[in-house]
Amino acid sequence: MRFSTAHYAQSDALKKQSPAAEWTRNSESYRQLWKWGGNWKGIQARLKSPFRVDLDRRKKIAEVLRQQYNRGSAPMPAALKAFQQGAHVVTAGHQLQAGGGPAYFHYKILSAIRWARRITADGQTAVAVFWLASEDHDFEEIKATHGPGGQSFEWSPEGVEKSGPVGELVWTADAERSWHNWADANKIDNAEWHSGPMPLADRIRKWVVEWFGDLDVLVIDGNDAELKSMAMHLWRAEWQGQGVAPFVKEASLKFESLFGAPQIQPRHNNLFVLTDKGSRQRADRWQETHGAAAWQALRPEQHSPNVALRPLYQEYLLESVAFVGGPAEVSYWLLLAEAFEHHEVQQPALLVRDGALILNAEASQVCEKVNWNPTMTGWRGEEAVNEWADQILQLHGDIQPSFDRWSEALDNHAKGIHESALPTTRATLAKMEKELNGVKKKWRKIIKQQQHEEAANISAIFDQWISPGGTPQERVLSAMALCSAIGNWSDFAKKWLEGLEEVDEPQFMVFR
């Protein structure tokens, strides 16, 4: 099926004046927080910086990757050879969404791929790497995948009560069957069957291979004993009071003075402990129970970094030339520059992921009907219906200019009488304008009553497809399910990468 695309600057589609939007606009005030800018120029500057990949480390990590792929029975990606030989890395990461989760899970990976391709086309080999955030323990955030029209896949595995890493939860044949039933209901083509049982982390790797295999993405799970043993100096520094906390706190004060409250607050010790009983405990609380020196008996794989420390662990291993994150991720990464310097870890260029909106035929018509585009953030069905009704009223003539001219004439008339007449006149005009607005609302209500079916349809399409519950589509609905409305996933990904091939800034795509 043929479909068209358009795109906007991602900064225009983000929440206005948010840290991520300002960073994407390359605000000079943000440059004091992070070295490399959030676009192609930032990547180029990072590429020109005096830095060489640690090839010995790369070789060890490549071997761990082979073991992870073999252990999960996943096809080995061709990109692994280039990675081992020192290719530049563009990284994205995300929680292990059961069934794929919201569309931005897929959009992050596509964004990493497009920047890696841009670097390669510019003459230096680069590969995209997806970091499995398998140690996150908030199951409520990852248990469901939603399709348009309220059709949802929800996973209810055993062991959730342990509050351990979600990547270790067991994906079973029953879970696979439920997901395939949901995929069939949402017209997702060519879904491969992997019956398990297997850890969720392995199932996610298989999904990424299935969805992005022809685009050659490497998948790495940081919850690995060998990888964690390589980063033991990071864990030791936290236990010994020489970790990232003071540097992140100092950056937080700078951030707050410029832009408002930061998204994260570091702790004195930014580790969790993965216990042999399957739980994930804050390091300070674990230490209160086990004693100040007990950490020395922990195995490397029992260390789990929190949100302030994980980026350093990731970048110590991958030495990325660019990291692609969501708006929230970019906001807290801006707090970590001095922590990177403290541990002598090179900062990557920091980019907001690209975004997207997929419109089926009805949704596309509604957008045109109300003159809406993704830069008009925050709309729900009610706002869309009101705009539609106002446009119908405009067909009968816009009375506001006439009211404004009359108000100006009355104001001038009062001035001619005496300046003392102005306050009363202007107060009366304000009351009249308020009454006029009330009348307009009543007219709008009449329009909505007269054309109730059309109003209800516009509201439903906004609230179920374009902006579910007032939240951007990409943060709620599955990309795989949405794609079935315009074609298939393969064509969608191809069109995405072609459309952004030479675009220098993060973008927001519209597919219809």
Protein backbone atom coordinates (compact mmCIF):
# COMPACT_ATOMS: atom_id res chain seq x y z
CA MET A 1 0.00 0.00 0.00
CA ARG A 2 1.30 3.47 -0.87
CA PHE A 3 1.34 6.13 1.83
CA SER A 4 2.71 9.63 2.20
CA THR A 5 4.89 11.26 4.83
CA ALA A 6 5.56 14.74 6.11
CA HIS A 7 7.79 15.86 8.94
CA TYR A 8 8.22 18.69 11.41
CA ALA A 9 11.11 19.69 13.62
CA GLN A 10 10.90 17.48 16.70
CA SER A 11 11.47 20.55 18.88
CA ASP A 12 8.12 21.94 17.64
CA ALA A 13 6.27 18.73 18.52
CA LEU A 14 7.67 18.51 22.06
CA LYS A 15 6.22 20.23 25.09
CA LYS A 16 7.03 23.90 24.71
CA GLN A 17 10.01 25.16 26.75
CA SER A 18 10.77 21.66 28.03
CA PRO A 19 14.47 20.86 28.55
CA ALA A 20 14.43 18.39 25.65
CA ALA A 21 12.81 20.90 23.29
CA GLU A 22 15.33 23.58 24.22
CA TRP A 23 18.24 21.15 23.87
CA THR A 24 17.03 20.15 20.42
CA ARG A 25 16.88 23.82 19.47
CA ASN A 26 20.56 24.00 20.49
CA SER A 27 19.94 26.60 23.16
CA GLU A 28 23.28 28.07 24.18
CA SER A 29 22.28 28.01 27.84
CA TYR A 30 22.15 24.23 27.71
CA ARG A 31 25.61 23.87 26.22
CA GLN A 32 27.12 24.47 29.64
CA LEU A 33 25.45 21.23 30.77
CA TRP A 34 26.57 18.90 27.97
CA LYS A 35 29.46 19.05 25.54
CA TRP A 36 28.04 17.77 22.25
CA GLY A 37 24.89 19.24 20.68
CA GLY A 38 21.69 17.42 19.79
CA ASN A 39 21.90 17.20 16.00
CA TRP A 40 24.16 16.20 13.10
CA LYS A 41 26.62 19.00 13.92
CA GLY A 42 26.88 17.64 17.45
CA ILE A 43 27.66 14.17 16.12
CA GLN A 44 30.26 15.59 13.75
CA ALA A 45 31.92 17.49 16.61
CA ARG A 46 32.00 14.31 18.69
CA LEU A 47 33.51 12.38 15.77
CA LYS A 48 36.31 14.95 15.50
CA SER A 49 37.12 14.80 19.21
CA PRO A 50 40.43 13.16 20.22
CA PHE A 51 39.14 9.74 21.27
CA ARG A 52 39.95 6.16 20.30
CA VAL A 53 37.80 3.12 21.01
CA ASP A 54 39.32 0.60 23.42
CA LEU A 55 39.60 -2.36 21.06
CA ASP A 56 40.47 -4.84 23.81
CA ARG A 57 37.28 -3.89 25.61
CA ARG A 58 35.31 -4.12 22.36
CA LYS A 59 36.62 -7.63 21.75
CA LYS A 60 35.50 -8.75 25.21
CA ILE A 61 32.07 -7.17 24.80
CA ALA A 62 31.66 -8.73 21.35
CA GLU A 63 32.31 -12.15 22.87
CA VAL A 64 29.70 -11.49 25.56
CA LEU A 65 27.25 -10.50 22.82
CA ARG A 66 27.88 -13.78 21.02
CA GLN A 67 27.13 -15.63 24.21
CA GLN A 68 23.93 -13.65 24.78
CA TYR A 69 22.67 -14.31 21.25
CA ASN A 70 23.56 -18.00 21.44
CA ARG A 71 21.99 -18.39 24.88
CA GLY A 72 18.76 -16.88 23.58
CA SER A 73 18.89 -18.82 20.27
CA ALA A 74 18.75 -15.59 18.27
CA PRO A 75 20.36 -15.10 14.84
CA MET A 76 23.78 -13.43 15.07
CA PRO A 77 23.71 -9.94 13.50
CA ALA A 78 26.24 -9.09 10.79
CA ALA A 79 26.96 -5.79 12.60
CA LEU A 80 28.76 -7.66 15.36
CA LYS A 81 31.94 -7.93 13.26
CA ALA A 82 32.09 -4.18 12.63
CA PHE A 83 31.35 -3.54 16.31
CA GLN A 84 34.24 -5.75 17.39
CA GLN A 85 36.58 -4.01 14.97
CA GLY A 86 35.86 -0.62 16.51
CA ALA A 87 32.97 0.82 14.49
CA HIS A 88 31.28 3.89 15.89
CA VAL A 89 28.20 3.14 17.98
CA VAL A 90 24.86 4.95 18.08
CA THR A 91 22.93 3.71 21.10
CA ALA A 92 19.30 3.75 22.17
CA GLY A 93 17.80 1.95 25.13
CA HIS A 94 14.43 1.20 26.66
CA GLN A 95 12.51 -0.86 29.18
CA LEU A 96 11.53 -4.38 28.15
CA GLN A 97 7.97 -3.69 27.04
CA ALA A 98 5.97 -6.93 26.90
CA GLY A 99 4.64 -7.24 23.37
CA GLY A 100 6.59 -4.21 22.16
CA GLY A 101 4.81 -1.52 24.16
CA PRO A 102 4.23 2.05 22.97
CA ALA A 103 5.39 3.09 19.51
CA TYR A 104 8.34 5.10 20.76
CA PHE A 105 10.05 1.80 21.67
CA HIS A 106 10.34 1.23 17.91
CA TYR A 107 10.98 4.88 17.07
CA LYS A 108 14.03 5.03 19.33
CA ILE A 109 15.60 2.14 17.47
CA LEU A 110 14.75 3.60 14.06
CA SER A 111 16.32 6.88 15.18
CA ALA A 112 19.55 5.13 16.19
CA ILE A 113 19.61 3.32 12.85
CA ARG A 114 19.16 6.50 10.83
CA TRP A 115 22.00 8.32 12.60
CA ALA A 116 24.29 5.28 12.29
CA ARG A 117 23.53 5.17 8.57
CA ARG A 118 24.25 8.88 8.28
CA ILE A 119 27.68 8.41 9.87
CA THR A 120 28.43 5.45 7.59
CA ALA A 121 27.33 7.39 4.51
CA ASP A 122 29.69 10.17 5.61
CA GLY A 123 32.62 7.75 5.38
CA GLN A 124 33.00 6.23 8.87
CA THR A 125 31.48 2.86 9.78
CA ALA A 126 28.80 2.99 12.48
CA VAL A 127 26.35 0.48 13.94
CA ALA A 128 23.13 0.91 15.92
CA VAL A 129 22.98 -0.74 19.35
CA PHE A 130 19.86 -1.26 21.43
CA TRP A 131 20.48 -1.43 25.19
CA LEU A 132 18.00 -3.72 26.94
CA ALA A 133 17.11 -2.00 30.20
CA SER A 134 16.35 -5.42 31.65
CA GLU A 135 17.05 -4.54 35.30
CA ASP A 136 14.19 -2.06 35.64
CA HIS A 137 11.75 -3.42 38.19
CA ASP A 138 8.54 -1.46 37.62
CA PHE A 139 6.41 -4.20 36.10
CA GLU A 140 3.31 -1.98 35.89
CA GLU A 141 5.05 0.16 33.28
CA ILE A 142 5.90 -2.72 30.96
CA LYS A 143 3.10 -5.27 31.27
CA ALA A 144 0.79 -4.07 28.47
CA THR A 145 0.77 -3.21 24.78
CA HIS A 146 -2.20 -1.29 23.41
CA GLY A 147 -3.73 -1.27 19.95
CA PRO A 148 -6.15 1.26 18.47
CA GLY A 149 -9.76 0.93 19.57
CA GLY A 150 -8.95 -0.28 23.07
CA GLN A 151 -7.58 -3.72 22.17
CA SER A 152 -4.78 -4.48 24.63
CA PHE A 153 -2.37 -7.30 25.34
CA GLU A 154 -1.70 -7.65 29.08
CA TRP A 155 0.86 -10.01 30.54
CA SER A 156 0.42 -11.61 33.99
CA PRO A 157 3.52 -13.71 34.71
CA GLU A 158 4.50 -15.41 37.93
CA GLY A 159 7.16 -13.89 40.18
CA VAL A 160 6.18 -10.23 39.82
CA GLU A 161 5.80 -9.95 43.59
CA LYS A 162 9.59 -10.33 44.02
CA SER A 163 10.19 -6.86 42.53
CA GLY A 164 13.32 -8.05 40.80
CA PRO A 165 14.60 -7.26 37.30
CA VAL A 166 11.76 -7.55 34.79
CA GLY A 167 14.12 -9.11 32.26
CA GLU A 168 14.29 -12.24 34.41
CA LEU A 169 10.52 -12.81 34.41
CA VAL A 170 9.65 -15.98 32.48
CA TRP A 171 7.88 -15.70 29.14
CA THR A 172 5.82 -18.85 28.59
CA ALA A 173 3.96 -20.56 25.75
CA ASP A 174 0.70 -19.18 27.19
CA ALA A 175 2.09 -15.66 27.04
CA GLU A 176 3.22 -16.24 23.46
CA ARG A 177 -0.23 -17.52 22.52
CA SER A 178 -1.95 -14.53 24.09
CA TRP A 179 0.36 -12.14 22.31
CA HIS A 180 -0.23 -13.83 18.94
CA ASN A 181 -3.98 -13.64 19.47
CA TRP A 182 -3.61 -9.91 20.10
CA ALA A 183 -1.31 -9.54 17.05
CA ASP A 184 -3.86 -11.31 14.84
CA ALA A 185 -6.66 -9.07 16.15
CA ASN A 186 -4.56 -6.02 15.27
CA LYS A 187 -3.61 -7.35 11.81
CA ILE A 188 0.11 -7.54 12.57
CA ASP A 189 1.64 -9.62 9.78
CA ASN A 190 4.35 -12.26 9.93
CA ALA A 191 4.64 -12.47 13.71
CA GLU A 192 7.08 -15.30 14.46
CA TRP A 193 6.30 -17.91 17.13
CA HIS A 194 8.71 -18.37 20.05
CA SER A 195 7.04 -20.61 22.60
CA GLY A 196 9.55 -20.45 25.45
CA PRO A 197 9.88 -20.70 28.32
CA MET A 198 12.54 -18.00 28.29
CA PRO A 199 13.44 -14.82 30.20
CA LEU A 200 11.59 -11.74 28.97
CA ALA A 201 14.98 -10.24 27.99
CA ASP A 202 15.51 -13.08 25.50
CA ARG A 203 11.99 -12.67 24.09
CA ILE A 204 12.56 -8.95 23.59
CA ARG A 205 15.82 -9.68 21.75
CA LYS A 206 13.90 -12.01 19.42
CA TRP A 207 11.31 -9.32 18.77
CA VAL A 208 13.99 -6.76 17.97
CA VAL A 209 15.66 -9.25 15.62
CA GLU A 210 12.29 -9.97 14.02
CA TRP A 211 11.37 -6.31 13.56
CA PHE A 212 14.81 -4.86 12.77
CA GLY A 213 16.84 -7.88 11.62
CA ASP A 214 17.27 -6.64 8.07
CA LEU A 215 18.43 -3.28 9.45
CA ASP A 216 21.26 -4.91 11.41
CA VAL A 217 20.75 -3.73 15.00
CA LEU A 218 22.86 -5.12 17.84
CA VAL A 219 21.05 -5.90 21.10
CA ILE A 220 22.98 -5.88 24.38
CA ASP A 221 21.70 -6.86 27.82
CA GLY A 222 23.65 -5.06 30.54
CA ASN A 223 22.43 -7.51 33.19
CA ASP A 224 25.37 -9.81 32.55
CA ALA A 225 28.05 -11.08 34.94
CA GLU A 226 30.92 -10.58 32.49
CA LEU A 227 29.89 -7.05 31.57
CA LYS A 228 29.39 -6.06 35.18
CA SER A 229 32.78 -7.43 36.16
CA MET A 230 34.31 -5.11 33.54
CA ALA A 231 32.69 -2.12 35.27
CA MET A 232 33.57 -3.09 38.82
CA HIS A 233 35.36 0.24 39.35
CA LEU A 234 32.01 2.03 38.99
CA TRP A 235 30.38 -0.13 41.67
CA ARG A 236 33.36 0.14 44.02
CA ALA A 237 33.33 3.94 43.80
CA GLU A 238 29.68 4.05 44.91
CA TRP A 239 30.33 1.80 47.94
CA GLN A 240 33.40 3.80 48.94
CA GLY A 241 31.69 7.20 48.78
CA GLN A 242 33.49 8.26 45.61
CA GLY A 243 30.55 7.88 43.23
CA VAL A 244 28.55 10.24 41.08
CA ALA A 245 26.27 11.83 43.70
CA PRO A 246 28.15 15.12 44.35
CA PHE A 247 28.66 15.77 40.64
CA VAL A 248 25.02 15.14 39.75
CA LYS A 249 23.86 17.29 42.68
CA GLU A 250 26.06 20.17 41.53
CA ALA A 251 24.72 19.87 37.98
CA SER A 252 21.17 19.70 39.37
CA LEU A 253 21.61 23.04 41.10
CA LYS A 254 22.86 24.60 37.86
CA PHE A 255 19.99 23.01 35.94
CA GLU A 256 17.40 24.22 38.47
CA SER A 257 18.70 27.78 38.42
CA LEU A 258 18.31 27.87 34.66
CA PHE A 259 15.32 25.71 33.83
CA GLY A 260 13.43 24.45 36.89
CA ALA A 261 13.38 21.26 38.94
CA PRO A 262 15.54 18.43 37.52
CA GLN A 263 13.96 15.08 36.78
CA ILE A 264 16.22 12.96 39.02
CA GLN A 265 17.85 13.35 42.39
CA PRO A 266 20.92 11.19 43.03
CA ARG A 267 21.41 9.23 46.23
CA HIS A 268 24.63 8.93 48.18
CA ASN A 269 24.93 5.39 46.77
CA ASN A 270 23.40 4.97 43.31
CA LEU A 271 23.32 1.18 43.27
CA PHE A 272 20.76 -1.50 43.81
CA VAL A 273 21.66 -4.98 45.02
CA LEU A 274 20.24 -7.99 43.19
CA THR A 275 19.74 -10.60 45.90
CA ASP A 276 19.88 -14.35 45.44
CA LYS A 277 16.20 -14.40 46.41
CA GLY A 278 15.29 -12.47 43.28
CA SER A 279 14.68 -8.99 44.66
CA ARG A 280 16.29 -5.66 43.77
CA GLN A 281 17.07 -3.59 46.89
CA ARG A 282 18.44 -0.09 47.28
CA ALA A 283 22.10 -0.31 48.25
CA ASP A 284 21.79 1.93 51.29
CA ARG A 285 18.90 -0.11 52.69
CA TRP A 286 20.68 -3.38 51.93
CA GLN A 287 23.76 -2.06 53.73
CA GLU A 288 21.74 -1.13 56.81
CA THR A 289 20.71 -4.77 57.10
CA HIS A 290 23.97 -6.49 56.12
CA GLY A 291 26.63 -4.12 57.43
CA ALA A 292 28.89 -1.43 56.00
CA ALA A 293 31.55 -3.80 54.67
CA ALA A 294 29.26 -6.57 53.42
CA TRP A 295 29.36 -5.23 49.86
CA GLN A 296 32.85 -6.62 49.44
CA ALA A 297 31.39 -10.13 49.33
CA LEU A 298 28.94 -9.30 46.54
CA ARG A 299 29.49 -10.82 43.13
CA PRO A 300 29.78 -8.34 40.20
CA GLU A 301 26.44 -9.42 38.75
CA GLN A 302 24.66 -8.48 41.97
CA HIS A 303 25.32 -4.79 41.32
CA SER A 304 22.58 -2.88 39.51
CA PRO A 305 22.95 0.83 38.64
CA ASN A 306 20.10 3.26 39.18
CA VAL A 307 18.98 5.94 36.72
CA ALA A 308 21.88 8.28 37.58
CA LEU A 309 24.55 5.61 37.19
CA ARG A 310 23.27 3.40 34.38
CA PRO A 311 24.28 5.82 31.58
CA LEU A 312 27.89 5.69 32.78
CA TYR A 313 27.85 1.89 32.87
CA GLN A 314 26.36 1.81 29.38
CA GLU A 315 28.83 4.28 27.93
CA TYR A 316 31.87 2.78 29.64
CA LEU A 317 31.04 -0.42 27.77
CA LEU A 318 29.86 0.94 24.44
CA GLU A 319 31.85 4.19 24.01
CA SER A 320 29.03 5.55 21.83
CA VAL A 321 29.52 8.43 19.44
CA ALA A 322 25.84 9.32 19.97
CA PHE A 323 23.06 8.38 22.36
CA VAL A 324 19.43 8.70 21.25
CA GLY A 325 16.88 9.06 24.04
CA GLY A 326 13.36 10.17 24.72
CA PRO A 327 12.65 13.69 26.01
CA ALA A 328 12.77 12.57 29.65
CA GLU A 329 16.03 10.68 29.14
CA VAL A 330 17.72 13.63 27.49
CA SER A 331 16.57 15.86 30.36
CA TYR A 332 18.31 13.77 33.00
CA TRP A 333 21.36 12.97 30.88
CA LEU A 334 22.01 16.72 30.86
CA LEU A 335 22.78 16.36 34.59
CA LEU A 336 25.51 13.77 34.12
CA ALA A 337 28.36 15.53 32.28
CA GLU A 338 30.52 16.03 35.38
CA ALA A 339 29.84 12.46 36.48
CA PHE A 340 31.13 11.28 33.09
CA GLU A 341 34.26 13.39 33.58
CA HIS A 342 34.72 12.04 37.12
CA HIS A 343 34.88 8.48 35.79
CA GLU A 344 36.75 9.49 32.61
CA VAL A 345 33.96 8.21 30.39
CA GLN A 346 33.62 10.04 27.07
CA GLN A 347 30.31 11.85 26.55
CA PRO A 348 28.41 10.90 23.39
CA ALA A 349 26.47 13.42 21.35
CA LEU A 350 23.05 13.58 22.99
CA LEU A 351 20.01 13.49 20.68
CA VAL A 352 16.28 13.43 21.21
CA ARG A 353 14.75 10.53 19.31
CA ASP A 354 12.64 11.15 16.25
CA GLY A 355 8.88 10.89 16.73
CA ALA A 356 5.93 9.91 14.58
CA LEU A 357 2.18 9.96 14.14
CA ILE A 358 0.41 7.35 12.01
CA LEU A 359 -2.96 8.35 10.57
CA ASN A 360 -5.51 6.01 9.07
CA ALA A 361 -7.95 7.43 6.50
CA GLU A 362 -10.48 8.63 9.09
CA ALA A 363 -7.89 10.21 11.34
CA SER A 364 -6.28 11.95 8.37
CA GLN A 365 -9.65 13.45 7.38
CA VAL A 366 -10.28 14.66 10.93
CA CYS A 367 -6.88 16.37 11.09
CA GLU A 368 -7.64 18.19 7.86
CA LYS A 369 -11.13 19.07 9.04
CA VAL A 370 -9.87 20.82 12.19
CA ASN A 371 -6.57 22.07 10.70
CA TRP A 372 -4.57 20.15 13.31
CA ASN A 373 -0.89 19.12 13.15
CA PRO A 374 1.52 17.62 15.73
CA THR A 375 2.94 21.00 16.71
CA MET A 376 -0.46 21.80 18.27
CA THR A 377 0.21 19.80 21.41
CA GLY A 378 -2.21 18.89 24.18
CA TRP A 379 -5.41 18.53 22.15
CA ARG A 380 -8.07 16.06 23.20
CA GLY A 381 -11.33 15.18 21.52
CA GLU A 382 -13.16 18.08 23.19
CA GLU A 383 -10.72 20.67 21.82
CA ALA A 384 -10.93 19.14 18.34
CA VAL A 385 -14.75 19.23 18.35
CA ASN A 386 -14.79 22.83 19.54
CA GLU A 387 -12.42 23.84 16.73
CA TRP A 388 -14.60 22.03 14.21
CA ALA A 389 -17.73 23.78 15.50
CA ASP A 390 -15.99 27.17 15.45
CA GLN A 391 -15.04 26.64 11.83
CA ILE A 392 -18.68 25.99 10.96
CA LEU A 393 -19.64 29.20 12.75
CA GLN A 394 -17.01 31.04 10.71
CA LEU A 395 -18.92 30.09 7.56
CA HIS A 396 -21.64 32.45 8.73
CA GLY A 397 -19.13 35.25 9.13
CA ASP A 398 -16.64 36.18 11.79
CA ILE A 399 -18.22 38.73 14.09
CA GLN A 400 -15.12 39.25 16.23
CA PRO A 401 -13.52 41.84 13.88
CA SER A 402 -16.80 43.78 13.87
CA PHE A 403 -16.94 43.67 17.66
CA ASP A 404 -13.29 44.80 17.86
CA ARG A 405 -13.94 47.75 15.51
CA TRP A 406 -17.05 48.73 17.44
CA SER A 407 -15.13 48.50 20.75
CA GLU A 408 -12.39 50.73 19.33
CA ALA A 409 -14.99 53.25 18.14
CA LEU A 410 -16.69 53.27 21.54
CA ASP A 411 -13.33 53.69 23.29
CA ASN A 412 -12.49 56.65 21.04
CA HIS A 413 -15.93 58.12 21.67
CA ALA A 414 -15.36 57.95 25.42
CA LYS A 415 -11.95 59.62 25.02
CA GLY A 416 -13.63 62.46 23.15
CA ILE A 417 -16.01 63.05 26.00
CA HIS A 418 -13.43 63.00 28.78
CA GLU A 419 -10.72 60.66 30.05
CA SER A 420 -12.82 60.01 33.14
CA ALA A 421 -15.32 58.22 30.88
CA LEU A 422 -12.77 55.56 29.87
CA PRO A 423 -12.78 53.26 32.95
CA THR A 424 -16.54 52.78 32.92
CA THR A 425 -16.61 52.36 29.15
CA ARG A 426 -13.82 49.77 29.14
CA ALA A 427 -15.36 47.85 32.03
CA THR A 428 -18.62 47.72 30.08
CA LEU A 429 -16.81 46.51 26.96
CA ALA A 430 -15.10 43.76 28.96
CA LYS A 431 -18.50 42.60 30.24
CA MET A 432 -19.91 42.70 26.73
CA GLU A 433 -17.01 40.63 25.36
CA LYS A 434 -17.53 38.09 28.12
CA GLU A 435 -21.23 37.91 27.19
CA LEU A 436 -20.31 37.56 23.51
CA ASN A 437 -18.01 34.65 24.32
CA GLY A 438 -20.85 33.06 26.27
CA VAL A 439 -23.14 33.43 23.27
CA LYS A 440 -20.48 31.86 21.02
CA LYS A 441 -20.32 28.86 23.35
CA LYS A 442 -24.08 28.46 23.10
CA TRP A 443 -23.89 28.66 19.29
CA ARG A 444 -21.11 26.06 19.36
CA LYS A 445 -23.30 23.82 21.53
CA ILE A 446 -26.16 24.12 19.05
CA ILE A 447 -23.83 23.10 16.19
CA LYS A 448 -22.67 20.05 18.17
CA GLN A 449 -26.26 19.08 18.94
CA GLN A 450 -27.37 19.51 15.34
CA GLN A 451 -24.46 17.40 14.06
CA HIS A 452 -24.06 15.10 17.03
CA GLU A 453 -22.87 12.08 15.07
CA GLU A 454 -20.07 14.02 13.34
CA ALA A 455 -18.98 15.63 16.63
CA ALA A 456 -18.89 12.27 18.39
CA ASN A 457 -16.85 10.77 15.56
CA ILE A 458 -14.25 13.57 15.67
CA SER A 459 -13.97 13.25 19.45
CA ALA A 460 -13.59 9.46 19.31
CA ILE A 461 -10.91 9.53 16.61
CA PHE A 462 -8.87 12.05 18.61
CA ASP A 463 -9.26 10.26 21.92
CA GLN A 464 -8.72 6.73 20.58
CA TRP A 465 -6.28 7.20 17.70
CA ILE A 466 -4.58 10.60 17.42
CA SER A 467 -4.17 11.49 21.09
CA PRO A 468 -5.48 8.70 23.35
CA GLY A 469 -6.59 10.22 26.63
CA GLY A 470 -4.82 13.45 25.72
CA THR A 471 -1.46 11.66 25.44
CA PRO A 472 0.51 11.60 22.15
CA GLN A 473 -0.23 8.49 20.11
CA GLU A 474 3.39 7.29 20.17
CA ARG A 475 3.34 7.13 23.99
CA VAL A 476 0.30 4.83 24.13
CA LEU A 477 -0.34 2.74 21.02
CA SER A 478 1.79 0.03 19.41
CA ALA A 479 3.69 0.97 16.25
CA MET A 480 3.13 -2.52 14.88
CA ALA A 481 -0.65 -2.24 15.28
CA LEU A 482 -0.75 1.30 13.91
CA CYS A 483 1.27 0.34 10.81
CA SER A 484 -1.39 -2.13 9.71
CA ALA A 485 -3.66 0.84 8.95
CA ILE A 486 -1.36 2.16 6.22
CA GLY A 487 0.58 -0.90 5.00
CA ASN A 488 3.15 -3.02 6.77
CA TRP A 489 6.07 -2.58 9.15
CA SER A 490 8.77 -3.16 6.54
CA ASP A 491 7.45 -0.43 4.24
CA PHE A 492 6.98 1.91 7.20
CA ALA A 493 10.58 1.48 8.40
CA LYS A 494 11.91 1.90 4.86
CA LYS A 495 9.90 5.09 4.35
CA TRP A 496 11.08 6.42 7.73
CA LEU A 497 14.75 5.92 6.92
CA GLU A 498 14.41 7.29 3.38
CA GLY A 499 12.56 10.36 4.62
CA LEU A 500 15.21 11.25 7.20
CA GLU A 501 18.29 10.16 5.26
CA GLU A 502 19.88 13.61 5.02
CA VAL A 503 17.93 15.53 7.68
CA ASP A 504 20.24 17.17 10.23
CA GLU A 505 17.82 17.66 13.14
CA PRO A 506 15.57 15.29 15.13
CA GLN A 507 12.21 15.14 13.36
CA PHE A 508 8.56 14.31 13.95
CA MET A 509 7.14 12.26 11.07
CA VAL A 510 3.52 12.02 9.96
CA PHE A 511 2.46 8.93 8.00
CA ARG A 512 -0.89 8.75 6.26
